[in-house]
PDB file of N, CA and C in Angstrom:
ATOM      1  N   MET A   1     129.630 122.497 106.353  1.00  0.00           N
ATOM      2  CA  MET A   1     128.804 122.633 105.178  1.00  0.00           C
ATOM      3  C   MET A   1     128.176 124.011 105.130  1.00  0.00           C
ATOM      4  N   PHE A   2     127.944 124.448 103.912  1.00  0.00           N
ATOM      5  CA  PHE A   2     127.339 125.754 103.692  1.00  0.00           C
ATOM      6  C   PHE A   2     126.439 125.669 102.465  1.00  0.00           C
ATOM      7  N   THR A   3     125.380 126.390 102.497  1.00  0.00           N
ATOM      8  CA  THR A   3     124.507 126.472 101.321  1.00  0.00           C
ATOM      9  C   THR A   3     124.393 127.924 100.891  1.00  0.00           C
ATOM     10  N   SER A   4     124.235 128.137  99.605  1.00  0.00           N
ATOM     11  CA  SER A   4     124.084 129.500  99.100  1.00  0.00           C
ATOM     12  C   SER A   4     122.645 129.810  98.706  1.00  0.00           C
ATOM     13  N   SER A   5     121.791 128.776  98.732  1.00  0.00           N
ATOM     14  CA  SER A   5     120.394 129.007  98.385  1.00  0.00           C
ATOM     15  C   SER A   5     119.530 127.853  98.869  1.00  0.00           C
ATOM     16  N   GLY A   6     118.232 128.084  98.847  1.00  0.00           N
ATOM     17  CA  GLY A   6     117.306 127.037  99.256  1.00  0.00           C
ATOM     18  C   GLY A   6     115.875 127.469  99.043  1.00  0.00           C
ATOM     19  N   SER A   7     114.984 126.562  99.339  1.00  0.00           N
ATOM     20  CA  SER A   7     113.552 126.820  99.261  1.00  0.00           C
ATOM     21  C   SER A   7     112.906 126.367 100.560  1.00  0.00           C
ATOM     22  N   VAL A   8     111.779 126.940 100.877  1.00  0.00           N
ATOM     23  CA  VAL A   8     111.022 126.580 102.072  1.00  0.00           C
ATOM     24  C   VAL A   8     109.807 125.783 101.603  1.00  0.00           C
ATOM     25  N   LEU A   9     109.452 124.755 102.360  1.00  0.00           N
ATOM     26  CA  LEU A   9     108.310 123.917 102.016  1.00  0.00           C
ATOM     27  C   LEU A   9     107.575 123.551 103.292  1.00  0.00           C
ATOM     28  N   HIS A  10     106.256 123.678 103.280  1.00  0.00           N
ATOM     29  CA  HIS A  10     105.469 123.188 104.407  1.00  0.00           C
ATOM     30  C   HIS A  10     104.074 122.822 103.915  1.00  0.00           C
ATOM     31  N   ASN A  11     103.311 122.184 104.782  1.00  0.00           N
ATOM     32  CA  ASN A  11     101.972 121.763 104.386  1.00  0.00           C
ATOM     33  C   ASN A  11     100.905 122.512 105.171  1.00  0.00           C
ATOM     34  N   HIS A  12      99.725 122.536 104.610  1.00  0.00           N
ATOM     35  CA  HIS A  12      98.534 123.057 105.278  1.00  0.00           C
ATOM     36  C   HIS A  12      97.596 121.874 105.488  1.00  0.00           C
ATOM     37  N   PRO A  13      97.473 121.398 106.715  1.00  0.00           N
ATOM     38  CA  PRO A  13      96.592 120.256 106.981  1.00  0.00           C
ATOM     39  C   PRO A  13      95.138 120.495 106.572  1.00  0.00           C
ATOM     40  N   SER A  14      94.734 121.759 106.471  1.00  0.00           N
ATOM     41  CA  SER A  14      93.360 122.068 106.056  1.00  0.00           C
ATOM     42  C   SER A  14      93.100 121.637 104.616  1.00  0.00           C
ATOM     43  N   GLY A  15      94.173 121.472 103.851  1.00  0.00           N
ATOM     44  CA  GLY A  15      94.043 121.086 102.453  1.00  0.00           C
ATOM     45  C   GLY A  15      94.136 122.241 101.481  1.00  0.00           C
ATOM     46  N   ASP A  16      93.897 123.462 101.943  1.00  0.00           N
ATOM     47  CA  ASP A  16      93.954 124.653 101.091  1.00  0.00           C
ATOM     48  C   ASP A  16      95.385 125.194 101.094  1.00  0.00           C
ATOM     49  N   PRO A  17      96.076 125.143  99.956  1.00  0.00           N
ATOM     50  CA  PRO A  17      97.469 125.585  99.935  1.00  0.00           C
ATOM     51  C   PRO A  17      97.661 127.098  99.808  1.00  0.00           C
ATOM     52  N   THR A  18      96.595 127.865  99.837  1.00  0.00           N
ATOM     53  CA  THR A  18      96.709 129.319  99.715  1.00  0.00           C
ATOM     54  C   THR A  18      97.558 129.883 100.853  1.00  0.00           C
ATOM     55  N   PRO A  19      98.592 130.691 100.535  1.00  0.00           N
ATOM     56  CA  PRO A  19      99.426 131.271 101.589  1.00  0.00           C
ATOM     57  C   PRO A  19      98.613 132.189 102.502  1.00  0.00           C
ATOM     58  N   SER A  20      98.782 132.005 103.796  1.00  0.00           N
ATOM     59  CA  SER A  20      98.125 132.882 104.767  1.00  0.00           C
ATOM     60  C   SER A  20      98.972 134.134 104.965  1.00  0.00           C
ATOM     61  N   HIS A  21      98.397 135.117 105.626  1.00  0.00           N
ATOM     62  CA  HIS A  21      99.151 136.332 105.954  1.00  0.00           C
ATOM     63  C   HIS A  21     100.377 135.968 106.794  1.00  0.00           C
ATOM     64  N   ALA A  22     100.212 135.044 107.736  1.00  0.00           N
ATOM     65  CA  ALA A  22     101.337 134.605 108.576  1.00  0.00           C
ATOM     66  C   ALA A  22     102.409 133.913 107.739  1.00  0.00           C
ATOM     67  N   ASP A  23     102.014 133.123 106.737  1.00  0.00           N
ATOM     68  CA  ASP A  23     102.987 132.477 105.846  1.00  0.00           C
ATOM     69  C   ASP A  23     103.821 133.523 105.116  1.00  0.00           C
ATOM     70  N   ILE A  24     103.159 134.544 104.618  1.00  0.00           N
ATOM     71  CA  ILE A  24     103.847 135.597 103.870  1.00  0.00           C
ATOM     72  C   ILE A  24     104.808 136.355 104.780  1.00  0.00           C
ATOM     73  N   GLN A  25     104.362 136.687 105.988  1.00  0.00           N
ATOM     74  CA  GLN A  25     105.226 137.396 106.939  1.00  0.00           C
ATOM     75  C   GLN A  25     106.436 136.552 107.323  1.00  0.00           C
ATOM     76  N   MET A  26     106.227 135.264 107.594  1.00  0.00           N
ATOM     77  CA  MET A  26     107.329 134.395 107.983  1.00  0.00           C
ATOM     78  C   MET A  26     108.324 134.234 106.837  1.00  0.00           C
ATOM     79  N   THR A  27     107.819 134.115 105.631  1.00  0.00           N
ATOM     80  CA  THR A  27     108.706 133.993 104.476  1.00  0.00           C
ATOM     81  C   THR A  27     109.581 135.227 104.347  1.00  0.00           C
ATOM     82  N   GLN A  28     109.001 136.401 104.508  1.00  0.00           N
ATOM     83  CA  GLN A  28     109.794 137.627 104.423  1.00  0.00           C
ATOM     84  C   GLN A  28     110.830 137.684 105.535  1.00  0.00           C
ATOM     85  N   ALA A  29     110.473 137.230 106.730  1.00  0.00           N
ATOM     86  CA  ALA A  29     111.431 137.198 107.841  1.00  0.00           C
ATOM     87  C   ALA A  29     112.588 136.251 107.527  1.00  0.00           C
ATOM     88  N   ILE A  30     112.286 135.100 106.947  1.00  0.00           N
ATOM     89  CA  ILE A  30     113.341 134.145 106.570  1.00  0.00           C
ATOM     90  C   ILE A  30     114.260 134.771 105.524  1.00  0.00           C
ATOM     91  N   ILE A  31     113.675 135.431 104.523  1.00  0.00           N
ATOM     92  CA  ILE A  31     114.475 136.095 103.485  1.00  0.00           C
ATOM     93  C   ILE A  31     115.358 137.174 104.103  1.00  0.00           C
ATOM     94  N   ASP A  32     114.801 137.957 105.024  1.00  0.00           N
ATOM     95  CA  ASP A  32     115.554 139.036 105.671  1.00  0.00           C
ATOM     96  C   ASP A  32     116.734 138.512 106.482  1.00  0.00           C
ATOM     97  N   VAL A  33     116.575 137.359 107.116  1.00  0.00           N
ATOM     98  CA  VAL A  33     117.664 136.761 107.902  1.00  0.00           C
ATOM     99  C   VAL A  33     118.691 136.109 106.981  1.00  0.00           C
ATOM    100  N   ALA A  34     118.230 135.465 105.921  1.00  0.00           N
ATOM    101  CA  ALA A  34     119.122 134.725 105.029  1.00  0.00           C
ATOM    102  C   ALA A  34     119.990 135.643 104.161  1.00  0.00           C
ATOM    103  N   LYS A  35     119.440 136.765 103.733  1.00  0.00           N
ATOM    104  CA  LYS A  35     120.144 137.642 102.789  1.00  0.00           C
ATOM    105  C   LYS A  35     121.518 138.098 103.284  1.00  0.00           C
ATOM    106  N   PRO A  36     121.656 138.612 104.514  1.00  0.00           N
ATOM    107  CA  PRO A  36     122.987 139.039 104.965  1.00  0.00           C
ATOM    108  C   PRO A  36     123.992 137.883 105.078  1.00  0.00           C
ATOM    109  N   LEU A  37     123.475 136.667 105.143  1.00  0.00           N
ATOM    110  CA  LEU A  37     124.336 135.489 105.218  1.00  0.00           C
ATOM    111  C   LEU A  37     124.717 134.980 103.828  1.00  0.00           C
ATOM    112  N   GLY A  38     124.229 135.658 102.798  1.00  0.00           N
ATOM    113  CA  GLY A  38     124.529 135.261 101.433  1.00  0.00           C
ATOM    114  C   GLY A  38     123.707 134.080 100.947  1.00  0.00           C
ATOM    115  N   ILE A  39     122.562 133.859 101.583  1.00  0.00           N
ATOM    116  CA  ILE A  39     121.699 132.737 101.222  1.00  0.00           C
ATOM    117  C   ILE A  39     120.455 133.279 100.516  1.00  0.00           C
ATOM    118  N   ALA A  40     120.216 132.786  99.317  1.00  0.00           N
ATOM    119  CA  ALA A  40     119.043 133.194  98.540  1.00  0.00           C
ATOM    120  C   ALA A  40     117.904 132.216  98.789  1.00  0.00           C
ATOM    121  N   VAL A  41     116.726 132.739  99.030  1.00  0.00           N
ATOM    122  CA  VAL A  41     115.528 131.904  99.162  1.00  0.00           C
ATOM    123  C   VAL A  41     114.806 131.968  97.816  1.00  0.00           C
ATOM    124  N   HIS A  42     114.772 130.841  97.108  1.00  0.00           N
ATOM    125  CA  HIS A  42     114.200 130.814  95.764  1.00  0.00           C
ATOM    126  C   HIS A  42     112.680 130.743  95.751  1.00  0.00           C
ATOM    127  N   ASP A  43     112.099 130.059  96.737  1.00  0.00           N
ATOM    128  CA  ASP A  43     110.648 129.888  96.722  1.00  0.00           C
ATOM    129  C   ASP A  43     110.179 129.397  98.083  1.00  0.00           C
ATOM    130  N   HIS A  44     108.907 129.530  98.329  1.00  0.00           N
ATOM    131  CA  HIS A  44     108.240 128.935  99.487  1.00  0.00           C
ATOM    132  C   HIS A  44     107.019 128.239  98.915  1.00  0.00           C
ATOM    133  N   ILE A  45     107.008 126.925  99.029  1.00  0.00           N
ATOM    134  CA  ILE A  45     105.938 126.111  98.467  1.00  0.00           C
ATOM    135  C   ILE A  45     105.080 125.571  99.596  1.00  0.00           C
ATOM    136  N   ILE A  46     103.777 125.704  99.433  1.00  0.00           N
ATOM    137  CA  ILE A  46     102.829 125.196 100.419  1.00  0.00           C
ATOM    138  C   ILE A  46     102.035 124.074  99.754  1.00  0.00           C
ATOM    139  N   VAL A  47     101.972 122.941 100.441  1.00  0.00           N
ATOM    140  CA  VAL A  47     101.298 121.760  99.910  1.00  0.00           C
ATOM    141  C   VAL A  47     100.037 121.494 100.722  1.00  0.00           C
ATOM    142  N   GLY A  48      98.968 121.179 100.036  1.00  0.00           N
ATOM    143  CA  GLY A  48      97.709 120.786 100.663  1.00  0.00           C
ATOM    144  C   GLY A  48      97.075 119.684  99.844  1.00  0.00           C
ATOM    145  N   LYS A  49      96.044 119.074 100.366  1.00  0.00           N
ATOM    146  CA  LYS A  49      95.410 117.971  99.627  1.00  0.00           C
ATOM    147  C   LYS A  49      94.791 118.448  98.317  1.00  0.00           C
ATOM    148  N   ASP A  50      94.541 119.741  98.213  1.00  0.00           N
ATOM    149  CA  ASP A  50      93.956 120.312  97.002  1.00  0.00           C
ATOM    150  C   ASP A  50      95.001 120.793  96.002  1.00  0.00           C
ATOM    151  N   GLY A  51      96.284 120.524  96.259  1.00  0.00           N
ATOM    152  CA  GLY A  51      97.338 120.948  95.350  1.00  0.00           C
ATOM    153  C   GLY A  51      98.459 121.647  96.083  1.00  0.00           C
ATOM    154  N   HIS A  52      99.116 122.568  95.399  1.00  0.00           N
ATOM    155  CA  HIS A  52     100.220 123.308  96.005  1.00  0.00           C
ATOM    156  C   HIS A  52     100.184 124.759  95.520  1.00  0.00           C
ATOM    157  N   ALA A  53     100.906 125.607  96.252  1.00  0.00           N
ATOM    158  CA  ALA A  53     101.032 127.016  95.879  1.00  0.00           C
ATOM    159  C   ALA A  53     102.492 127.408  95.993  1.00  0.00           C
ATOM    160  N   SER A  54     102.969 128.131  95.019  1.00  0.00           N
ATOM    161  CA  SER A  54     104.332 128.653  95.003  1.00  0.00           C
ATOM    162  C   SER A  54     104.268 130.152  95.249  1.00  0.00           C
ATOM    163  N   MET A  55     104.923 130.609  96.313  1.00  0.00           N
ATOM    164  CA  MET A  55     104.911 132.048  96.583  1.00  0.00           C
ATOM    165  C   MET A  55     105.620 132.808  95.472  1.00  0.00           C
ATOM    166  N   LYS A  56     106.654 132.210  94.892  1.00  0.00           N
ATOM    167  CA  LYS A  56     107.318 132.861  93.767  1.00  0.00           C
ATOM    168  C   LYS A  56     106.360 132.932  92.579  1.00  0.00           C
ATOM    169  N   GLY A  57     105.665 131.833  92.305  1.00  0.00           N
ATOM    170  CA  GLY A  57     104.708 131.804  91.208  1.00  0.00           C
ATOM    171  C   GLY A  57     103.572 132.800  91.388  1.00  0.00           C
ATOM    172  N   LEU A  58     103.211 133.045  92.648  1.00  0.00           N
ATOM    173  CA  LEU A  58     102.158 134.011  92.967  1.00  0.00           C
ATOM    174  C   LEU A  58     102.691 135.435  93.085  1.00  0.00           C
ATOM    175  N   LYS A  59     104.003 135.586  92.844  1.00  0.00           N
ATOM    176  CA  LYS A  59     104.693 136.883  92.923  1.00  0.00           C
ATOM    177  C   LYS A  59     104.626 137.499  94.321  1.00  0.00           C
ATOM    178  N   LEU A  60     104.648 136.627  95.344  1.00  0.00           N
ATOM    179  CA  LEU A  60     104.668 137.102  96.728  1.00  0.00           C
ATOM    180  C   LEU A  60     106.093 137.252  97.240  1.00  0.00           C
ATOM    181  N   ILE A  61     107.046 136.677  96.504  1.00  0.00           N
ATOM    182  CA  ILE A  61     108.470 136.882  96.823  1.00  0.00           C
ATOM    183  C   ILE A  61     109.221 137.110  95.528  1.00  0.00           C
TER     184      ILE A  61
END
């Protein structure tokens, strides 16, 4: 099996879905590894009890 694209999803147990600096760095690292393999990362969504945040929606990717 092979995929050409995907999204990353994780939760913040604190409840605040705001992306941390570490979240942003890890997302960029995932994109950097995936790109040469021909895999597009469409978004990184963070879920918390207070809602969710889309890194694409926040223009972080």
